[in-house]
Amino acid sequence: MHKRTVLAAALAAGVLAAPVAQADLAMAKKYNCTACHQVDKKVVGPAYKDVAKKYKGQAGAEAKLIEKVKKGGSGVWGPVPMPPNAAVPDGDVKKLVEWILSM
């Protein structure tokens, strides 16, 4: 009986986590992030999974990436600059960065 409870909880967690990931991908699409970034492949900019891998375990990574999304940047992933996204609300930028770093 205990194994069934653990299995049921794990399945429920996976089912509940899936809509959150989809909601964040939908947000990335809403702000046109997916024109340059995809989850698992490089387009113009790096794949989100590559960003997560590069910044995994780094102190201050979230704040650094939030600033980069808002102000833009260049040179970290090659010569193509990322334009600033100042019009994206701060709360949404934070959610997007948290989602990316969770990969």
N, C-alpha and C. Protein backbone atom coordinates (compact mmCIF):
# COMPACT_ATOMS: atom_id res chain seq x y z
N MET A 1 0.82 -1.19 0.00
CA MET A 1 0.00 0.00 0.00
C MET A 1 0.87 1.26 0.00
N HIS A 2 1.96 1.24 0.75
CA HIS A 2 2.85 2.40 0.83
C HIS A 2 3.45 2.72 -0.54
N LYS A 3 3.86 1.70 -1.29
CA LYS A 3 4.44 1.92 -2.62
C LYS A 3 3.44 2.56 -3.55
N ARG A 4 2.19 2.16 -3.43
CA ARG A 4 1.14 2.75 -4.27
C ARG A 4 0.95 4.23 -3.95
N THR A 5 1.02 4.58 -2.69
CA THR A 5 0.86 5.98 -2.29
C THR A 5 2.00 6.82 -2.85
N VAL A 6 3.21 6.30 -2.74
CA VAL A 6 4.37 7.02 -3.27
C VAL A 6 4.26 7.17 -4.78
N LEU A 7 3.88 6.10 -5.46
CA LEU A 7 3.73 6.13 -6.91
C LEU A 7 2.64 7.12 -7.31
N ALA A 8 1.53 7.10 -6.61
CA ALA A 8 0.43 8.02 -6.92
C ALA A 8 0.87 9.47 -6.73
N ALA A 9 1.61 9.73 -5.67
CA ALA A 9 2.10 11.10 -5.42
C ALA A 9 3.07 11.54 -6.50
N ALA A 10 3.95 10.64 -6.91
CA ALA A 10 4.91 10.98 -7.96
C ALA A 10 4.21 11.25 -9.28
N LEU A 11 3.24 10.44 -9.61
CA LEU A 11 2.49 10.66 -10.84
C LEU A 11 1.72 11.97 -10.79
N ALA A 12 1.11 12.26 -9.66
CA ALA A 12 0.36 13.51 -9.52
C ALA A 12 1.29 14.71 -9.64
N ALA A 13 2.47 14.62 -9.07
CA ALA A 13 3.43 15.73 -9.17
C ALA A 13 3.82 15.96 -10.62
N GLY A 14 4.05 14.90 -11.36
CA GLY A 14 4.40 15.03 -12.77
C GLY A 14 3.27 15.62 -13.58
N VAL A 15 2.06 15.20 -13.30
CA VAL A 15 0.89 15.72 -14.01
C VAL A 15 0.69 17.19 -13.68
N LEU A 16 0.90 17.55 -12.42
CA LEU A 16 0.72 18.94 -12.03
C LEU A 16 1.85 19.82 -12.55
N ALA A 17 3.04 19.29 -12.68
CA ALA A 17 4.17 20.09 -13.16
C ALA A 17 4.07 20.35 -14.66
N ALA A 18 3.50 19.45 -15.40
CA ALA A 18 3.41 19.60 -16.86
C ALA A 18 2.67 20.87 -17.27
N PRO A 19 1.51 21.18 -16.69
CA PRO A 19 0.84 22.42 -17.09
C PRO A 19 1.66 23.67 -16.77
N VAL A 20 2.44 23.64 -15.70
CA VAL A 20 3.28 24.80 -15.37
C VAL A 20 4.31 25.01 -16.47
N ALA A 21 4.96 23.93 -16.90
CA ALA A 21 5.96 24.04 -17.97
C ALA A 21 5.31 24.55 -19.24
N GLN A 22 4.14 24.07 -19.56
CA GLN A 22 3.44 24.53 -20.75
C GLN A 22 3.07 26.00 -20.61
N ALA A 23 2.66 26.41 -19.42
CA ALA A 23 2.31 27.81 -19.21
C ALA A 23 3.52 28.70 -19.42
N ASP A 24 4.69 28.25 -19.00
CA ASP A 24 5.89 29.05 -19.18
C ASP A 24 6.33 29.08 -20.64
N LEU A 25 6.17 27.98 -21.35
CA LEU A 25 6.46 27.97 -22.77
C LEU A 25 5.48 28.90 -23.49
N ALA A 26 4.23 28.88 -23.05
CA ALA A 26 3.24 29.79 -23.63
C ALA A 26 3.63 31.24 -23.38
N MET A 27 4.16 31.53 -22.20
CA MET A 27 4.60 32.89 -21.89
C MET A 27 5.78 33.27 -22.78
N ALA A 28 6.71 32.35 -23.00
CA ALA A 28 7.86 32.61 -23.88
C ALA A 28 7.36 32.92 -25.30
N LYS A 29 6.35 32.20 -25.73
CA LYS A 29 5.76 32.46 -27.05
C LYS A 29 5.07 33.82 -27.07
N LYS A 30 4.35 34.12 -26.01
CA LYS A 30 3.62 35.39 -25.91
C LYS A 30 4.55 36.58 -26.10
N TYR A 31 5.72 36.52 -25.52
CA TYR A 31 6.67 37.64 -25.60
C TYR A 31 7.67 37.47 -26.75
N ASN A 32 7.41 36.53 -27.64
CA ASN A 32 8.19 36.30 -28.85
C ASN A 32 9.62 35.82 -28.57
N CYS A 33 9.85 35.26 -27.39
CA CYS A 33 11.17 34.72 -27.06
C CYS A 33 11.53 33.55 -27.97
N THR A 34 10.50 32.81 -28.37
CA THR A 34 10.74 31.61 -29.17
C THR A 34 11.13 31.92 -30.62
N ALA A 35 11.13 33.19 -30.99
CA ALA A 35 11.64 33.56 -32.31
C ALA A 35 13.14 33.30 -32.38
N CYS A 36 13.81 33.40 -31.22
CA CYS A 36 15.27 33.21 -31.17
C CYS A 36 15.70 32.04 -30.30
N HIS A 37 14.84 31.55 -29.42
CA HIS A 37 15.20 30.48 -28.48
C HIS A 37 14.17 29.35 -28.53
N GLN A 38 14.66 28.13 -28.43
CA GLN A 38 13.82 26.95 -28.28
C GLN A 38 14.28 26.21 -27.03
N VAL A 39 13.46 25.29 -26.56
CA VAL A 39 13.80 24.56 -25.33
C VAL A 39 15.07 23.74 -25.52
N ASP A 40 15.15 22.99 -26.62
CA ASP A 40 16.23 22.02 -26.73
C ASP A 40 17.10 22.14 -27.98
N LYS A 41 16.99 23.25 -28.69
CA LYS A 41 17.87 23.44 -29.85
C LYS A 41 18.20 24.92 -30.04
N LYS A 42 19.41 25.17 -30.52
CA LYS A 42 19.85 26.53 -30.80
C LYS A 42 19.11 27.03 -32.04
N VAL A 43 18.66 28.26 -31.98
CA VAL A 43 18.06 28.91 -33.15
C VAL A 43 18.98 30.09 -33.43
N VAL A 44 18.56 31.29 -33.12
CA VAL A 44 19.45 32.45 -33.20
C VAL A 44 20.26 32.53 -31.90
N GLY A 45 19.55 32.34 -30.80
CA GLY A 45 20.18 32.31 -29.49
C GLY A 45 20.26 30.88 -28.99
N PRO A 46 20.84 30.68 -27.82
CA PRO A 46 21.03 29.33 -27.29
C PRO A 46 19.71 28.68 -26.89
N ALA A 47 19.72 27.35 -26.84
CA ALA A 47 18.58 26.59 -26.32
C ALA A 47 18.44 26.89 -24.83
N TYR A 48 17.20 26.91 -24.36
CA TYR A 48 16.98 27.17 -22.93
C TYR A 48 17.70 26.13 -22.07
N LYS A 49 17.73 24.87 -22.52
CA LYS A 49 18.42 23.83 -21.74
C LYS A 49 19.91 24.12 -21.64
N ASP A 50 20.50 24.70 -22.70
CA ASP A 50 21.92 25.05 -22.66
C ASP A 50 22.17 26.20 -21.69
N VAL A 51 21.24 27.15 -21.65
CA VAL A 51 21.36 28.25 -20.69
C VAL A 51 21.31 27.71 -19.27
N ALA A 52 20.34 26.82 -19.02
CA ALA A 52 20.22 26.23 -17.68
C ALA A 52 21.50 25.49 -17.29
N LYS A 53 22.06 24.75 -18.24
CA LYS A 53 23.28 23.98 -17.97
C LYS A 53 24.45 24.92 -17.66
N LYS A 54 24.58 25.99 -18.44
CA LYS A 54 25.69 26.93 -18.26
C LYS A 54 25.64 27.61 -16.89
N TYR A 55 24.44 27.95 -16.43
CA TYR A 55 24.32 28.72 -15.19
C TYR A 55 23.98 27.88 -13.96
N LYS A 56 23.89 26.56 -14.14
CA LYS A 56 23.54 25.68 -13.02
C LYS A 56 24.51 25.86 -11.86
N GLY A 57 23.96 26.10 -10.69
CA GLY A 57 24.75 26.21 -9.48
C GLY A 57 25.48 27.53 -9.29
N GLN A 58 25.35 28.45 -10.22
CA GLN A 58 26.05 29.73 -10.09
C GLN A 58 25.25 30.68 -9.20
N ALA A 59 25.91 31.23 -8.21
CA ALA A 59 25.28 32.22 -7.35
C ALA A 59 24.94 33.45 -8.18
N GLY A 60 23.75 33.97 -8.00
CA GLY A 60 23.34 35.18 -8.70
C GLY A 60 22.91 34.98 -10.14
N ALA A 61 22.81 33.72 -10.59
CA ALA A 61 22.46 33.46 -11.98
C ALA A 61 21.08 34.02 -12.34
N GLU A 62 20.13 33.83 -11.44
CA GLU A 62 18.77 34.32 -11.72
C GLU A 62 18.77 35.83 -11.93
N ALA A 63 19.37 36.57 -11.03
CA ALA A 63 19.40 38.03 -11.15
C ALA A 63 20.15 38.46 -12.41
N LYS A 64 21.23 37.78 -12.71
CA LYS A 64 22.03 38.10 -13.91
C LYS A 64 21.19 37.91 -15.18
N LEU A 65 20.47 36.80 -15.25
CA LEU A 65 19.66 36.52 -16.43
C LEU A 65 18.45 37.43 -16.53
N ILE A 66 17.86 37.77 -15.40
CA ILE A 66 16.73 38.73 -15.42
C ILE A 66 17.21 40.05 -16.01
N GLU A 67 18.36 40.51 -15.57
CA GLU A 67 18.91 41.76 -16.09
C GLU A 67 19.22 41.64 -17.58
N LYS A 68 19.75 40.51 -18.00
CA LYS A 68 20.08 40.30 -19.41
C LYS A 68 18.82 40.32 -20.27
N VAL A 69 17.75 39.69 -19.80
CA VAL A 69 16.50 39.70 -20.55
C VAL A 69 15.98 41.13 -20.67
N LYS A 70 16.01 41.86 -19.59
CA LYS A 70 15.47 43.23 -19.59
C LYS A 70 16.34 44.19 -20.42
N LYS A 71 17.67 44.10 -20.27
CA LYS A 71 18.56 45.08 -20.90
C LYS A 71 19.20 44.60 -22.20
N GLY A 72 19.13 43.29 -22.48
CA GLY A 72 19.80 42.74 -23.66
C GLY A 72 21.25 42.45 -23.33
N GLY A 73 21.97 41.93 -24.30
CA GLY A 73 23.37 41.63 -24.07
C GLY A 73 24.00 40.99 -25.30
N SER A 74 25.29 40.77 -25.23
CA SER A 74 26.00 40.13 -26.33
C SER A 74 27.31 39.55 -25.83
N GLY A 75 27.87 38.65 -26.66
CA GLY A 75 29.19 38.13 -26.39
C GLY A 75 29.27 36.83 -25.62
N VAL A 76 28.24 36.48 -24.85
CA VAL A 76 28.29 35.26 -24.05
C VAL A 76 28.07 34.02 -24.93
N TRP A 77 27.18 34.13 -25.91
CA TRP A 77 26.81 33.00 -26.75
C TRP A 77 27.22 33.21 -28.21
N GLY A 78 28.03 34.19 -28.46
CA GLY A 78 28.45 34.46 -29.83
C GLY A 78 28.22 35.91 -30.19
N PRO A 79 28.40 36.25 -31.45
CA PRO A 79 28.37 37.65 -31.86
C PRO A 79 26.97 38.27 -32.01
N VAL A 80 25.93 37.45 -32.08
CA VAL A 80 24.58 38.00 -32.28
C VAL A 80 24.05 38.53 -30.95
N PRO A 81 23.75 39.82 -30.88
CA PRO A 81 23.26 40.39 -29.61
C PRO A 81 21.81 40.01 -29.35
N MET A 82 21.47 39.93 -28.07
CA MET A 82 20.08 39.75 -27.67
C MET A 82 19.52 41.15 -27.42
N PRO A 83 18.43 41.50 -28.09
CA PRO A 83 17.87 42.83 -27.87
C PRO A 83 17.24 42.95 -26.48
N PRO A 84 17.12 44.15 -25.97
CA PRO A 84 16.47 44.34 -24.68
C PRO A 84 14.98 44.04 -24.77
N ASN A 85 14.43 43.57 -23.66
CA ASN A 85 13.01 43.25 -23.58
C ASN A 85 12.40 44.02 -22.42
N ALA A 86 12.59 45.32 -22.43
CA ALA A 86 12.16 46.18 -21.33
C ALA A 86 10.65 46.22 -21.16
N ALA A 87 9.89 45.91 -22.20
CA ALA A 87 8.43 45.97 -22.11
C ALA A 87 7.82 44.75 -21.42
N VAL A 88 8.59 43.70 -21.24
CA VAL A 88 8.08 42.50 -20.56
C VAL A 88 8.03 42.81 -19.06
N PRO A 89 6.87 42.61 -18.43
CA PRO A 89 6.75 42.90 -16.99
C PRO A 89 7.77 42.12 -16.17
N ASP A 90 8.29 42.76 -15.13
CA ASP A 90 9.32 42.16 -14.28
C ASP A 90 8.91 40.79 -13.74
N GLY A 91 7.66 40.67 -13.31
CA GLY A 91 7.19 39.39 -12.77
C GLY A 91 7.23 38.28 -13.81
N ASP A 92 6.90 38.61 -15.05
CA ASP A 92 6.94 37.61 -16.11
C ASP A 92 8.38 37.25 -16.48
N VAL A 93 9.27 38.22 -16.47
CA VAL A 93 10.68 37.93 -16.74
C VAL A 93 11.21 36.98 -15.67
N LYS A 94 10.88 37.24 -14.42
CA LYS A 94 11.31 36.37 -13.32
C LYS A 94 10.78 34.96 -13.51
N LYS A 95 9.51 34.81 -13.86
CA LYS A 95 8.93 33.48 -14.09
C LYS A 95 9.64 32.77 -15.24
N LEU A 96 9.90 33.48 -16.31
CA LEU A 96 10.58 32.89 -17.46
C LEU A 96 11.99 32.42 -17.09
N VAL A 97 12.71 33.25 -16.38
CA VAL A 97 14.08 32.89 -15.98
C VAL A 97 14.06 31.70 -15.02
N GLU A 98 13.14 31.69 -14.07
CA GLU A 98 13.03 30.56 -13.15
C GLU A 98 12.74 29.27 -13.93
N TRP A 99 11.85 29.37 -14.90
CA TRP A 99 11.50 28.21 -15.73
C TRP A 99 12.73 27.71 -16.49
N ILE A 100 13.46 28.63 -17.11
CA ILE A 100 14.64 28.25 -17.87
C ILE A 100 15.68 27.59 -16.97
N LEU A 101 15.93 28.18 -15.82
CA LEU A 101 16.94 27.63 -14.91
C LEU A 101 16.52 26.30 -14.29
N SER A 102 15.23 26.00 -14.31
CA SER A 102 14.75 24.73 -13.75
C SER A 102 14.95 23.54 -14.68
N MET A 103 15.39 23.80 -15.91
CA MET A 103 15.54 22.71 -16.89
C MET A 103 16.78 21.89 -16.62
